[in-house]
């Protein structure tokens, strides 16, 4: 997907991309250029597809942040969500 899910619950896509979310959070924390992150994590060339690369990076980084605030509870089980 070019855009990360926006569902208010954990999705199969989220589970499949947890490593990408962690990598995005790490690169953002390190101050890495978003273009480098998009190229390495998503395998997209930001010079060739700048709008697509930026949208992918932004939506997935937003989802990664959501995972740290809300989504992680779904990984912990029903009691963590209540």
PDB file of N, CA and C in Angstrom:
ATOM      1  N   UNK A   1       0.832  -1.200   0.000  1.00  0.00           N
ATOM      2  CA  UNK A   1       0.000   0.000   0.000  1.00  0.00           C
ATOM      3  C   UNK A   1       0.867   1.251   0.000  1.00  0.00           C
ATOM      4  N   UNK A   2       0.449   2.224  -0.752  1.00  0.00           N
ATOM      5  CA  UNK A   2       1.169   3.493  -0.732  1.00  0.00           C
ATOM      6  C   UNK A   2       0.858   4.290   0.531  1.00  0.00           C
ATOM      7  N   UNK A   3      -0.310   4.057   1.083  1.00  0.00           N
ATOM      8  CA  UNK A   3      -0.688   4.741   2.317  1.00  0.00           C
ATOM      9  C   UNK A   3      -0.955   3.704   3.397  1.00  0.00           C
ATOM     10  N   UNK A   4      -0.487   4.008   4.582  1.00  0.00           N
ATOM     11  CA  UNK A   4      -0.722   3.115   5.718  1.00  0.00           C
ATOM     12  C   UNK A   4      -2.206   3.151   6.084  1.00  0.00           C
ATOM     13  N   UNK A   5      -2.697   2.104   6.726  1.00  0.00           N
ATOM     14  CA  UNK A   5      -4.101   2.091   7.144  1.00  0.00           C
ATOM     15  C   UNK A   5      -4.404   3.241   8.107  1.00  0.00           C
ATOM     16  N   UNK A   6      -5.653   3.630   8.137  1.00  0.00           N
ATOM     17  CA  UNK A   6      -6.088   4.667   9.072  1.00  0.00           C
ATOM     18  C   UNK A   6      -7.114   4.123  10.056  1.00  0.00           C
ATOM     19  N   UNK A   7      -7.306   2.819  10.059  1.00  0.00           N
ATOM     20  CA  UNK A   7      -8.270   2.186  10.958  1.00  0.00           C
ATOM     21  C   UNK A   7      -7.893   2.473  12.408  1.00  0.00           C
ATOM     22  N   UNK A   8      -8.888   2.540  13.265  1.00  0.00           N
ATOM     23  CA  UNK A   8      -8.638   2.796  14.681  1.00  0.00           C
ATOM     24  C   UNK A   8      -8.406   1.512  15.471  1.00  0.00           C
ATOM     25  N   UNK A   9      -8.008   0.487  14.754  1.00  0.00           N
ATOM     26  CA  UNK A   9      -7.608  -0.765  15.395  1.00  0.00           C
ATOM     27  C   UNK A   9      -6.488  -1.362  14.570  1.00  0.00           C
ATOM     28  N   UNK A  10      -5.773  -2.276  15.158  1.00  0.00           N
ATOM     29  CA  UNK A  10      -4.656  -2.936  14.501  1.00  0.00           C
ATOM     30  C   UNK A  10      -5.155  -3.744  13.309  1.00  0.00           C
ATOM     31  N   UNK A  11      -4.438  -3.677  12.209  1.00  0.00           N
ATOM     32  CA  UNK A  11      -4.806  -4.430  11.008  1.00  0.00           C
ATOM     33  C   UNK A  11      -3.731  -5.466  10.695  1.00  0.00           C
ATOM     34  N   UNK A  12      -4.060  -6.379   9.812  1.00  0.00           N
ATOM     35  CA  UNK A  12      -3.072  -7.370   9.366  1.00  0.00           C
ATOM     36  C   UNK A  12      -1.896  -6.659   8.695  1.00  0.00           C
ATOM     37  N   UNK A  13      -2.179  -5.578   7.990  1.00  0.00           N
ATOM     38  CA  UNK A  13      -1.114  -4.792   7.355  1.00  0.00           C
ATOM     39  C   UNK A  13      -0.149  -4.261   8.413  1.00  0.00           C
ATOM     40  N   UNK A  14      -0.700  -3.748   9.513  1.00  0.00           N
ATOM     41  CA  UNK A  14       0.148  -3.251  10.599  1.00  0.00           C
ATOM     42  C   UNK A  14       1.052  -4.355  11.133  1.00  0.00           C
ATOM     43  N   UNK A  15       0.468  -5.499  11.384  1.00  0.00           N
ATOM     44  CA  UNK A  15       1.249  -6.619  11.913  1.00  0.00           C
ATOM     45  C   UNK A  15       2.363  -7.014  10.955  1.00  0.00           C
ATOM     46  N   UNK A  16       2.065  -6.993   9.671  1.00  0.00           N
ATOM     47  CA  UNK A  16       3.070  -7.356   8.663  1.00  0.00           C
ATOM     48  C   UNK A  16       4.167  -6.304   8.519  1.00  0.00           C
ATOM     49  N   UNK A  17       3.901  -5.073   8.950  1.00  0.00           N
ATOM     50  CA  UNK A  17       4.849  -3.975   8.751  1.00  0.00           C
ATOM     51  C   UNK A  17       5.396  -3.388  10.049  1.00  0.00           C
ATOM     52  N   UNK A  18       5.327  -4.140  11.131  1.00  0.00           N
ATOM     53  CA  UNK A  18       5.852  -3.649  12.405  1.00  0.00           C
ATOM     54  C   UNK A  18       7.324  -3.271  12.301  1.00  0.00           C
ATOM     55  N   UNK A  19       8.109  -4.077  11.618  1.00  0.00           N
ATOM     56  CA  UNK A  19       9.543  -3.778  11.480  1.00  0.00           C
ATOM     57  C   UNK A  19       9.748  -2.468  10.722  1.00  0.00           C
ATOM     58  N   UNK A  20       8.928  -2.224   9.700  1.00  0.00           N
ATOM     59  CA  UNK A  20       9.027  -0.963   8.959  1.00  0.00           C
ATOM     60  C   UNK A  20       8.690   0.219   9.865  1.00  0.00           C
ATOM     61  N   UNK A  21       7.665   0.062  10.695  1.00  0.00           N
ATOM     62  CA  UNK A  21       7.278   1.134  11.605  1.00  0.00           C
ATOM     63  C   UNK A  21       8.422   1.456  12.566  1.00  0.00           C
ATOM     64  N   UNK A  22       9.051   0.424  13.092  1.00  0.00           N
ATOM     65  CA  UNK A  22      10.171   0.637  14.013  1.00  0.00           C
ATOM     66  C   UNK A  22      11.321   1.336  13.302  1.00  0.00           C
ATOM     67  N   UNK A  23      11.613   0.894  12.100  1.00  0.00           N
ATOM     68  CA  UNK A  23      12.686   1.532  11.329  1.00  0.00           C
ATOM     69  C   UNK A  23      12.362   2.998  11.047  1.00  0.00           C
ATOM     70  N   UNK A  24      11.113   3.295  10.724  1.00  0.00           N
ATOM     71  CA  UNK A  24      10.709   4.682  10.483  1.00  0.00           C
ATOM     72  C   UNK A  24      10.875   5.538  11.732  1.00  0.00           C
ATOM     73  N   UNK A  25      10.457   5.009  12.867  1.00  0.00           N
ATOM     74  CA  UNK A  25      10.610   5.754  14.116  1.00  0.00           C
ATOM     75  C   UNK A  25      12.079   5.992  14.434  1.00  0.00           C
ATOM     76  N   UNK A  26      12.899   4.981  14.210  1.00  0.00           N
ATOM     77  CA  UNK A  26      14.340   5.115  14.460  1.00  0.00           C
ATOM     78  C   UNK A  26      14.971   6.157  13.549  1.00  0.00           C
ATOM     79  N   UNK A  27      14.668   6.086  12.261  1.00  0.00           N
ATOM     80  CA  UNK A  27      15.279   7.043  11.330  1.00  0.00           C
ATOM     81  C   UNK A  27      14.797   8.462  11.611  1.00  0.00           C
ATOM     82  N   UNK A  28      13.530   8.601  11.992  1.00  0.00           N
ATOM     83  CA  UNK A  28      13.006   9.921  12.330  1.00  0.00           C
ATOM     84  C   UNK A  28      13.693  10.461  13.580  1.00  0.00           C
ATOM     85  N   UNK A  29      13.858   9.605  14.577  1.00  0.00           N
ATOM     86  CA  UNK A  29      14.517   9.996  15.824  1.00  0.00           C
ATOM     87  C   UNK A  29      15.970  10.410  15.576  1.00  0.00           C
ATOM     88  N   UNK A  30      16.608   9.747  14.629  1.00  0.00           N
ATOM     89  CA  UNK A  30      18.004  10.051  14.298  1.00  0.00           C
ATOM     90  C   UNK A  30      18.135  11.290  13.417  1.00  0.00           C
ATOM     91  N   UNK A  31      17.015  11.807  12.942  1.00  0.00           N
ATOM     92  CA  UNK A  31      17.050  12.984  12.087  1.00  0.00           C
ATOM     93  C   UNK A  31      17.427  12.686  10.645  1.00  0.00           C
ATOM     94  N   UNK A  32      17.258  11.431  10.243  1.00  0.00           N
ATOM     95  CA  UNK A  32      17.590  11.044   8.867  1.00  0.00           C
ATOM     96  C   UNK A  32      16.643  11.732   7.887  1.00  0.00           C
ATOM     97  N   UNK A  33      17.137  11.993   6.710  1.00  0.00           N
ATOM     98  CA  UNK A  33      16.323  12.593   5.656  1.00  0.00           C
ATOM     99  C   UNK A  33      15.219  11.613   5.257  1.00  0.00           C
ATOM    100  N   UNK A  34      14.006  12.122   5.115  1.00  0.00           N
ATOM    101  CA  UNK A  34      12.872  11.256   4.785  1.00  0.00           C
ATOM    102  C   UNK A  34      13.088  10.528   3.469  1.00  0.00           C
ATOM    103  N   UNK A  35      13.802  11.152   2.533  1.00  0.00           N
ATOM    104  CA  UNK A  35      14.049  10.525   1.229  1.00  0.00           C
ATOM    105  C   UNK A  35      14.903   9.269   1.378  1.00  0.00           C
ATOM    106  N   UNK A  36      15.897   9.335   2.252  1.00  0.00           N
ATOM    107  CA  UNK A  36      16.733   8.157   2.502  1.00  0.00           C
ATOM    108  C   UNK A  36      15.906   7.042   3.136  1.00  0.00           C
ATOM    109  N   UNK A  37      15.068   7.420   4.093  1.00  0.00           N
ATOM    110  CA  UNK A  37      14.220   6.426   4.754  1.00  0.00           C
ATOM    111  C   UNK A  37      13.264   5.782   3.755  1.00  0.00           C
ATOM    112  N   UNK A  38      12.642   6.586   2.917  1.00  0.00           N
ATOM    113  CA  UNK A  38      11.706   6.047   1.920  1.00  0.00           C
ATOM    114  C   UNK A  38      12.407   5.095   0.968  1.00  0.00           C
ATOM    115  N   UNK A  39      13.598   5.455   0.552  1.00  0.00           N
ATOM    116  CA  UNK A  39      14.346   4.599  -0.375  1.00  0.00           C
ATOM    117  C   UNK A  39      14.723   3.277   0.273  1.00  0.00           C
ATOM    118  N   UNK A  40      15.222   3.325   1.498  1.00  0.00           N
ATOM    119  CA  UNK A  40      15.689   2.105   2.153  1.00  0.00           C
ATOM    120  C   UNK A  40      14.552   1.233   2.687  1.00  0.00           C
ATOM    121  N   UNK A  41      13.542   1.845   3.242  1.00  0.00           N
ATOM    122  CA  UNK A  41      12.466   1.068   3.866  1.00  0.00           C
ATOM    123  C   UNK A  41      11.435   0.591   2.846  1.00  0.00           C
ATOM    124  N   UNK A  42      11.086   1.457   1.901  1.00  0.00           N
ATOM    125  CA  UNK A  42      10.037   1.109   0.947  1.00  0.00           C
ATOM    126  C   UNK A  42      10.555   0.733  -0.432  1.00  0.00           C
ATOM    127  N   UNK A  43      11.843   0.955  -0.664  1.00  0.00           N
ATOM    128  CA  UNK A  43      12.414   0.611  -1.966  1.00  0.00           C
ATOM    129  C   UNK A  43      11.886   1.481  -3.091  1.00  0.00           C
ATOM    130  N   UNK A  44      11.574   2.712  -2.776  1.00  0.00           N
ATOM    131  CA  UNK A  44      11.044   3.640  -3.774  1.00  0.00           C
ATOM    132  C   UNK A  44      12.075   4.748  -3.999  1.00  0.00           C
ATOM    133  N   UNK A  45      12.179   5.213  -5.218  1.00  0.00           N
ATOM    134  CA  UNK A  45      13.135   6.262  -5.558  1.00  0.00           C
ATOM    135  C   UNK A  45      12.453   7.626  -5.423  1.00  0.00           C
ATOM    136  N   UNK A  46      12.785   8.376  -4.375  1.00  0.00           N
ATOM    137  CA  UNK A  46      12.152   9.675  -4.176  1.00  0.00           C
ATOM    138  C   UNK A  46      12.440  10.682  -5.285  1.00  0.00           C
ATOM    139  N   UNK A  47      13.548  10.517  -5.984  1.00  0.00           N
ATOM    140  CA  UNK A  47      13.852  11.432  -7.091  1.00  0.00           C
ATOM    141  C   UNK A  47      12.925  11.172  -8.275  1.00  0.00           C
ATOM    142  N   UNK A  48      12.582   9.913  -8.488  1.00  0.00           N
ATOM    143  CA  UNK A  48      11.715   9.537  -9.608  1.00  0.00           C
ATOM    144  C   UNK A  48      10.235   9.721  -9.279  1.00  0.00           C
ATOM    145  N   UNK A  49       9.869   9.481  -8.012  1.00  0.00           N
ATOM    146  CA  UNK A  49       8.469   9.569  -7.590  1.00  0.00           C
ATOM    147  C   UNK A  49       8.376  10.354  -6.279  1.00  0.00           C
ATOM    148  N   UNK A  50       8.683  11.641  -6.305  1.00  0.00           N
ATOM    149  CA  UNK A  50       8.742  12.404  -5.053  1.00  0.00           C
ATOM    150  C   UNK A  50       7.420  12.478  -4.287  1.00  0.00           C
ATOM    151  N   UNK A  51       6.319  12.674  -4.978  1.00  0.00           N
ATOM    152  CA  UNK A  51       5.027  12.782  -4.289  1.00  0.00           C
ATOM    153  C   UNK A  51       4.628  11.454  -3.661  1.00  0.00           C
ATOM    154  N   UNK A  52       4.801  10.380  -4.405  1.00  0.00           N
ATOM    155  CA  UNK A  52       4.461   9.051  -3.889  1.00  0.00           C
ATOM    156  C   UNK A  52       5.353   8.705  -2.703  1.00  0.00           C
ATOM    157  N   UNK A  53       6.642   8.958  -2.834  1.00  0.00           N
ATOM    158  CA  UNK A  53       7.583   8.640  -1.757  1.00  0.00           C
ATOM    159  C   UNK A  53       7.256   9.436  -0.500  1.00  0.00           C
ATOM    160  N   UNK A  54       6.957  10.711  -0.663  1.00  0.00           N
ATOM    161  CA  UNK A  54       6.642  11.565   0.489  1.00  0.00           C
ATOM    162  C   UNK A  54       5.354  11.099   1.167  1.00  0.00           C
ATOM    163  N   UNK A  55       4.337  10.792   0.366  1.00  0.00           N
ATOM    164  CA  UNK A  55       3.064  10.332   0.923  1.00  0.00           C
ATOM    165  C   UNK A  55       3.237   9.005   1.655  1.00  0.00           C
ATOM    166  N   UNK A  56       4.003   8.102   1.079  1.00  0.00           N
ATOM    167  CA  UNK A  56       4.255   6.814   1.736  1.00  0.00           C
ATOM    168  C   UNK A  56       4.955   7.029   3.068  1.00  0.00           C
ATOM    169  N   UNK A  57       5.993   7.848   3.043  1.00  0.00           N
ATOM    170  CA  UNK A  57       6.760   8.093   4.261  1.00  0.00           C
ATOM    171  C   UNK A  57       5.886   8.738   5.333  1.00  0.00           C
ATOM    172  N   UNK A  58       5.173   9.783   4.967  1.00  0.00           N
ATOM    173  CA  UNK A  58       4.357  10.507   5.945  1.00  0.00           C
ATOM    174  C   UNK A  58       3.248   9.646   6.536  1.00  0.00           C
ATOM    175  N   UNK A  59       2.546   8.898   5.692  1.00  0.00           N
ATOM    176  CA  UNK A  59       1.428   8.102   6.212  1.00  0.00           C
ATOM    177  C   UNK A  59       1.920   6.949   7.079  1.00  0.00           C
ATOM    178  N   UNK A  60       3.022   6.337   6.684  1.00  0.00           N
ATOM    179  CA  UNK A  60       3.549   5.224   7.473  1.00  0.00           C
ATOM    180  C   UNK A  60       4.198   5.705   8.773  1.00  0.00           C
ATOM    181  N   UNK A  61       4.827   6.866   8.750  1.00  0.00           N
ATOM    182  CA  UNK A  61       5.386   7.417   9.982  1.00  0.00           C
ATOM    183  C   UNK A  61       4.260   7.794  10.942  1.00  0.00           C
ATOM    184  N   UNK A  62       3.190   8.360  10.423  1.00  0.00           N
ATOM    185  CA  UNK A  62       2.038   8.686  11.266  1.00  0.00           C
ATOM    186  C   UNK A  62       1.455   7.414  11.877  1.00  0.00           C
ATOM    187  N   UNK A  63       1.381   6.359  11.087  1.00  0.00           N
ATOM    188  CA  UNK A  63       0.858   5.093  11.602  1.00  0.00           C
ATOM    189  C   UNK A  63       1.807   4.506  12.639  1.00  0.00           C
ATOM    190  N   UNK A  64       3.099   4.638  12.412  1.00  0.00           N
ATOM    191  CA  UNK A  64       4.082   4.151  13.383  1.00  0.00           C
ATOM    192  C   UNK A  64       3.912   4.880  14.715  1.00  0.00           C
ATOM    193  N   UNK A  65       3.682   6.173  14.650  1.00  0.00           N
ATOM    194  CA  UNK A  65       3.457   6.940  15.881  1.00  0.00           C
ATOM    195  C   UNK A  65       2.160   6.506  16.561  1.00  0.00           C
ATOM    196  N   UNK A  66       1.122   6.250  15.762  1.00  0.00           N
ATOM    197  CA  UNK A  66      -0.142   5.754  16.312  1.00  0.00           C
ATOM    198  C   UNK A  66       0.085   4.434  17.037  1.00  0.00           C
ATOM    199  N   UNK A  67       0.940   3.601  16.466  1.00  0.00           N
ATOM    200  CA  UNK A  67       1.239   2.308  17.095  1.00  0.00           C
ATOM    201  C   UNK A  67       1.853   2.499  18.478  1.00  0.00           C
ATOM    202  N   UNK A  68       2.670   3.535  18.657  1.00  0.00           N
ATOM    203  CA  UNK A  68       3.305   3.759  19.959  1.00  0.00           C
ATOM    204  C   UNK A  68       2.332   4.334  20.980  1.00  0.00           C
ATOM    205  N   UNK A  69       1.253   4.944  20.512  1.00  0.00           N
ATOM    206  CA  UNK A  69       0.296   5.581  21.407  1.00  0.00           C
ATOM    207  C   UNK A  69      -0.944   4.728  21.666  1.00  0.00           C
ATOM    208  N   UNK A  70      -1.406   4.014  20.647  1.00  0.00           N
ATOM    209  CA  UNK A  70      -2.668   3.277  20.730  1.00  0.00           C
ATOM    210  C   UNK A  70      -2.518   1.830  20.268  1.00  0.00           C
ATOM    211  N   UNK A  71      -1.969   1.657  19.097  1.00  0.00           N
ATOM    212  CA  UNK A  71      -1.949   0.355  18.444  1.00  0.00           C
ATOM    213  C   UNK A  71      -1.245  -0.745  19.198  1.00  0.00           C
ATOM    214  N   UNK A  72      -0.214  -0.392  19.964  1.00  0.00           N
ATOM    215  CA  UNK A  72       0.526  -1.421  20.695  1.00  0.00           C
ATOM    216  C   UNK A  72      -0.379  -2.220  21.627  1.00  0.00           C
ATOM    217  N   UNK A  73      -1.423  -1.590  22.144  1.00  0.00           N
ATOM    218  CA  UNK A  73      -2.316  -2.271  23.080  1.00  0.00           C
ATOM    219  C   UNK A  73      -2.996  -3.474  22.435  1.00  0.00           C
ATOM    220  N   UNK A  74      -3.233  -3.406  21.134  1.00  0.00           N
ATOM    221  CA  UNK A  74      -3.848  -4.533  20.443  1.00  0.00           C
ATOM    222  C   UNK A  74      -2.904  -5.727  20.392  1.00  0.00           C
ATOM    223  N   UNK A  75      -1.615  -5.471  20.453  1.00  0.00           N
ATOM    224  CA  UNK A  75      -0.641  -6.561  20.473  1.00  0.00           C
ATOM    225  C   UNK A  75      -0.594  -7.237  21.839  1.00  0.00           C
ATOM    226  N   UNK A  76      -0.987  -6.494  22.874  1.00  0.00           N
ATOM    227  CA  UNK A  76      -0.928  -7.013  24.236  1.00  0.00           C
ATOM    228  C   UNK A  76      -2.147  -7.840  24.618  1.00  0.00           C
ATOM    229  N   UNK A  77      -3.220  -7.706  23.863  1.00  0.00           N
ATOM    230  CA  UNK A  77      -4.410  -8.502  24.135  1.00  0.00           C
ATOM    231  C   UNK A  77      -5.579  -7.666  24.608  1.00  0.00           C
ATOM    232  N   UNK A  78      -6.738  -8.307  24.775  1.00  0.00           N
ATOM    233  CA  UNK A  78      -7.984  -7.606  25.098  1.00  0.00           C
ATOM    234  C   UNK A  78      -7.931  -6.764  26.372  1.00  0.00           C
ATOM    235  N   UNK A  79      -7.257  -7.231  27.387  1.00  0.00           N
ATOM    236  CA  UNK A  79      -7.232  -6.474  28.647  1.00  0.00           C
ATOM    237  C   UNK A  79      -6.519  -5.136  28.506  1.00  0.00           C
ATOM    238  N   UNK A  80      -5.550  -5.072  27.636  1.00  0.00           N
ATOM    239  CA  UNK A  80      -4.802  -3.825  27.448  1.00  0.00           C
ATOM    240  C   UNK A  80      -5.633  -2.770  26.726  1.00  0.00           C
ATOM    241  N   UNK A  81      -6.643  -3.204  25.994  1.00  0.00           N
ATOM    242  CA  UNK A  81      -7.470  -2.285  25.208  1.00  0.00           C
ATOM    243  C   UNK A  81      -8.565  -1.658  26.061  1.00  0.00           C
ATOM    244  N   UNK A  82      -9.008  -2.357  27.063  1.00  0.00           N
ATOM    245  CA  UNK A  82     -10.127  -1.885  27.898  1.00  0.00           C
ATOM    246  C   UNK A  82      -9.807  -0.619  28.649  1.00  0.00           C
TER     247      UNK A  82
END
